[in-house]
Amino acid sequence: MKLVTYSFRIVAEDGDEPNAVHLCEEIQAYLNSNLSYYDEVEEEKIFHRNAEVIGYHVKSDDYVPFHAEEEY
């Protein structure tokens, strides 16, 4: 088994940030939708473990963008 961590940067107006729990639910639904392949290949004895979202971490980026002037 392998633990895979994905990071996404989402830009949103203040107060319009996506709900982290809803994102986890949508990712889990996506992972569950891929299981139909294994159900169809049952005769090949492919054993699998359902991929599952096991947690989340939300962090606001403190990155300050820099926009260069044309000349210095």
N, C-alpha and C. Protein backbone atom coordinates (compact mmCIF):
# COMPACT_ATOMS: atom_id res chain seq x y z
N MET A 1 0.85 -1.17 0.00
CA MET A 1 0.00 0.00 0.00
C MET A 1 0.90 1.24 0.00
N LYS A 2 0.38 2.29 -0.61
CA LYS A 2 1.14 3.52 -0.73
C LYS A 2 0.28 4.69 -0.30
N LEU A 3 0.88 5.65 0.41
CA LEU A 3 0.19 6.88 0.79
C LEU A 3 0.59 7.95 -0.21
N VAL A 4 -0.39 8.56 -0.85
CA VAL A 4 -0.14 9.60 -1.85
C VAL A 4 -0.77 10.90 -1.36
N THR A 5 0.00 11.98 -1.37
CA THR A 5 -0.49 13.28 -0.95
C THR A 5 -0.51 14.21 -2.15
N TYR A 6 -1.67 14.79 -2.42
CA TYR A 6 -1.82 15.76 -3.49
C TYR A 6 -1.98 17.13 -2.88
N SER A 7 -1.45 18.14 -3.54
CA SER A 7 -1.63 19.52 -3.11
C SER A 7 -2.23 20.30 -4.26
N PHE A 8 -3.18 21.14 -3.93
CA PHE A 8 -3.82 21.98 -4.93
C PHE A 8 -3.81 23.41 -4.43
N ARG A 9 -3.62 24.35 -5.32
CA ARG A 9 -3.75 25.76 -4.98
C ARG A 9 -5.03 26.25 -5.62
N ILE A 10 -5.93 26.75 -4.81
CA ILE A 10 -7.22 27.23 -5.29
C ILE A 10 -7.32 28.71 -4.98
N VAL A 11 -7.59 29.50 -5.99
CA VAL A 11 -7.74 30.94 -5.82
C VAL A 11 -9.24 31.25 -5.73
N ALA A 12 -9.62 31.96 -4.68
CA ALA A 12 -11.03 32.32 -4.48
C ALA A 12 -11.10 33.66 -3.76
N GLU A 13 -12.19 34.35 -3.98
CA GLU A 13 -12.41 35.60 -3.26
C GLU A 13 -12.60 35.29 -1.78
N ASP A 14 -12.32 36.27 -0.92
CA ASP A 14 -12.52 36.08 0.52
C ASP A 14 -13.95 35.65 0.79
N GLY A 15 -14.09 34.58 1.56
CA GLY A 15 -15.41 34.08 1.90
C GLY A 15 -15.98 33.09 0.89
N ASP A 16 -15.34 32.94 -0.27
CA ASP A 16 -15.82 32.03 -1.30
C ASP A 16 -14.96 30.76 -1.41
N GLU A 17 -14.16 30.49 -0.40
CA GLU A 17 -13.30 29.32 -0.44
C GLU A 17 -14.15 28.05 -0.47
N PRO A 18 -13.70 27.02 -1.20
CA PRO A 18 -14.44 25.76 -1.24
C PRO A 18 -14.46 25.10 0.14
N ASN A 19 -15.50 24.35 0.40
CA ASN A 19 -15.64 23.61 1.64
C ASN A 19 -14.75 22.37 1.56
N ALA A 20 -13.81 22.23 2.48
CA ALA A 20 -12.84 21.13 2.44
C ALA A 20 -13.52 19.77 2.55
N VAL A 21 -14.54 19.66 3.37
CA VAL A 21 -15.25 18.39 3.52
C VAL A 21 -15.94 18.02 2.20
N HIS A 22 -16.53 18.99 1.54
CA HIS A 22 -17.19 18.72 0.26
C HIS A 22 -16.16 18.26 -0.78
N LEU A 23 -14.99 18.89 -0.79
CA LEU A 23 -13.94 18.44 -1.72
C LEU A 23 -13.53 17.01 -1.44
N CYS A 24 -13.41 16.64 -0.17
CA CYS A 24 -13.07 15.26 0.19
C CYS A 24 -14.15 14.29 -0.29
N GLU A 25 -15.41 14.68 -0.12
CA GLU A 25 -16.51 13.83 -0.57
C GLU A 25 -16.48 13.64 -2.08
N GLU A 26 -16.18 14.69 -2.82
CA GLU A 26 -16.12 14.59 -4.28
C GLU A 26 -14.94 13.73 -4.73
N ILE A 27 -13.80 13.87 -4.06
CA ILE A 27 -12.64 13.04 -4.40
C ILE A 27 -12.94 11.58 -4.09
N GLN A 28 -13.59 11.31 -2.95
CA GLN A 28 -13.94 9.93 -2.61
C GLN A 28 -14.92 9.34 -3.62
N ALA A 29 -15.88 10.14 -4.07
CA ALA A 29 -16.82 9.67 -5.09
C ALA A 29 -16.07 9.31 -6.38
N TYR A 30 -15.08 10.12 -6.74
CA TYR A 30 -14.26 9.83 -7.92
C TYR A 30 -13.50 8.51 -7.73
N LEU A 31 -12.89 8.34 -6.57
CA LEU A 31 -12.14 7.11 -6.31
C LEU A 31 -13.05 5.90 -6.36
N ASN A 32 -14.23 6.02 -5.80
CA ASN A 32 -15.19 4.91 -5.81
C ASN A 32 -15.64 4.57 -7.23
N SER A 33 -15.73 5.56 -8.10
CA SER A 33 -16.21 5.32 -9.46
C SER A 33 -15.22 4.48 -10.26
N ASN A 34 -13.97 4.43 -9.87
CA ASN A 34 -12.96 3.65 -10.60
C ASN A 34 -13.01 2.17 -10.23
N LEU A 35 -13.78 1.79 -9.24
CA LEU A 35 -13.83 0.39 -8.81
C LEU A 35 -14.58 -0.50 -9.78
N SER A 36 -15.42 0.08 -10.64
CA SER A 36 -16.19 -0.74 -11.57
C SER A 36 -15.27 -1.53 -12.51
N TYR A 37 -14.08 -1.02 -12.81
CA TYR A 37 -13.13 -1.74 -13.65
C TYR A 37 -12.76 -3.07 -13.00
N TYR A 38 -12.48 -3.05 -11.71
CA TYR A 38 -12.08 -4.27 -11.03
C TYR A 38 -13.22 -5.27 -10.94
N ASP A 39 -14.44 -4.78 -10.81
CA ASP A 39 -15.59 -5.67 -10.76
C ASP A 39 -15.75 -6.42 -12.09
N GLU A 40 -15.41 -5.77 -13.21
CA GLU A 40 -15.55 -6.38 -14.52
C GLU A 40 -14.44 -7.39 -14.80
N VAL A 41 -13.31 -7.31 -14.11
CA VAL A 41 -12.17 -8.18 -14.37
C VAL A 41 -12.04 -9.21 -13.24
N GLU A 42 -13.16 -9.60 -12.70
CA GLU A 42 -13.19 -10.48 -11.54
C GLU A 42 -12.48 -11.81 -11.82
N GLU A 43 -12.61 -12.35 -13.03
CA GLU A 43 -12.03 -13.65 -13.33
C GLU A 43 -10.51 -13.65 -13.31
N GLU A 44 -9.88 -12.49 -13.39
CA GLU A 44 -8.42 -12.43 -13.35
C GLU A 44 -7.89 -12.42 -11.92
N LYS A 45 -8.77 -12.50 -10.96
CA LYS A 45 -8.40 -12.55 -9.54
C LYS A 45 -7.56 -11.35 -9.13
N ILE A 46 -7.98 -10.18 -9.57
CA ILE A 46 -7.29 -8.95 -9.16
C ILE A 46 -7.85 -8.54 -7.80
N PHE A 47 -6.98 -8.52 -6.83
CA PHE A 47 -7.40 -8.09 -5.51
C PHE A 47 -7.00 -6.64 -5.33
N HIS A 48 -7.88 -5.88 -4.80
CA HIS A 48 -7.59 -4.46 -4.63
C HIS A 48 -8.15 -3.97 -3.31
N ARG A 49 -7.64 -2.87 -2.89
CA ARG A 49 -8.16 -2.21 -1.70
C ARG A 49 -8.72 -0.89 -2.18
N ASN A 50 -9.89 -0.57 -1.71
CA ASN A 50 -10.50 0.69 -2.09
C ASN A 50 -9.62 1.86 -1.68
N ALA A 51 -9.34 2.74 -2.61
CA ALA A 51 -8.62 3.96 -2.27
C ALA A 51 -9.57 4.83 -1.46
N GLU A 52 -9.05 5.48 -0.44
CA GLU A 52 -9.93 6.31 0.36
C GLU A 52 -9.23 7.57 0.83
N VAL A 53 -10.00 8.62 0.95
CA VAL A 53 -9.51 9.88 1.50
C VAL A 53 -9.49 9.68 3.01
N ILE A 54 -8.34 9.91 3.65
CA ILE A 54 -8.24 9.66 5.08
C ILE A 54 -8.08 10.94 5.90
N GLY A 55 -8.03 12.08 5.25
CA GLY A 55 -7.93 13.34 5.98
C GLY A 55 -7.66 14.49 5.05
N TYR A 56 -7.62 15.67 5.61
CA TYR A 56 -7.30 16.85 4.82
C TYR A 56 -6.65 17.90 5.69
N HIS A 57 -5.95 18.80 5.04
CA HIS A 57 -5.27 19.90 5.72
C HIS A 57 -5.52 21.15 4.89
N VAL A 58 -6.02 22.18 5.53
CA VAL A 58 -6.27 23.44 4.83
C VAL A 58 -5.28 24.47 5.35
N LYS A 59 -4.62 25.13 4.43
CA LYS A 59 -3.65 26.15 4.81
C LYS A 59 -3.82 27.34 3.89
N SER A 60 -3.91 28.51 4.47
CA SER A 60 -3.96 29.72 3.67
C SER A 60 -2.53 30.11 3.31
N ASP A 61 -2.33 30.45 2.08
CA ASP A 61 -1.00 30.79 1.59
C ASP A 61 -0.63 32.20 2.01
N ASP A 62 0.50 32.36 2.66
CA ASP A 62 0.99 33.68 3.06
C ASP A 62 1.93 34.27 2.01
N TYR A 63 1.94 33.69 0.85
CA TYR A 63 2.78 34.14 -0.25
C TYR A 63 2.35 35.54 -0.68
N VAL A 64 3.31 36.43 -0.78
CA VAL A 64 3.02 37.81 -1.21
C VAL A 64 3.50 37.94 -2.65
N PRO A 65 2.58 38.16 -3.59
CA PRO A 65 2.99 38.27 -4.98
C PRO A 65 3.82 39.53 -5.23
N PHE A 66 4.76 39.42 -6.13
CA PHE A 66 5.61 40.54 -6.52
C PHE A 66 5.38 40.83 -7.98
N HIS A 67 5.07 42.08 -8.28
CA HIS A 67 4.89 42.51 -9.67
C HIS A 67 5.97 43.53 -9.98
N ALA A 68 6.90 43.14 -10.84
CA ALA A 68 8.03 44.02 -11.16
C ALA A 68 7.56 45.23 -11.95
N GLU A 69 8.16 46.35 -11.64
CA GLU A 69 7.91 47.56 -12.42
C GLU A 69 8.67 47.40 -13.72
N GLU A 70 8.33 48.20 -14.70
CA GLU A 70 8.99 48.08 -16.00
C GLU A 70 10.48 48.37 -15.91
N GLU A 71 10.86 49.38 -15.13
CA GLU A 71 12.28 49.73 -15.01
C GLU A 71 12.59 50.09 -13.57
N TYR A 72 13.85 49.87 -13.20
CA TYR A 72 14.32 50.27 -11.88
C TYR A 72 15.43 51.26 -12.02
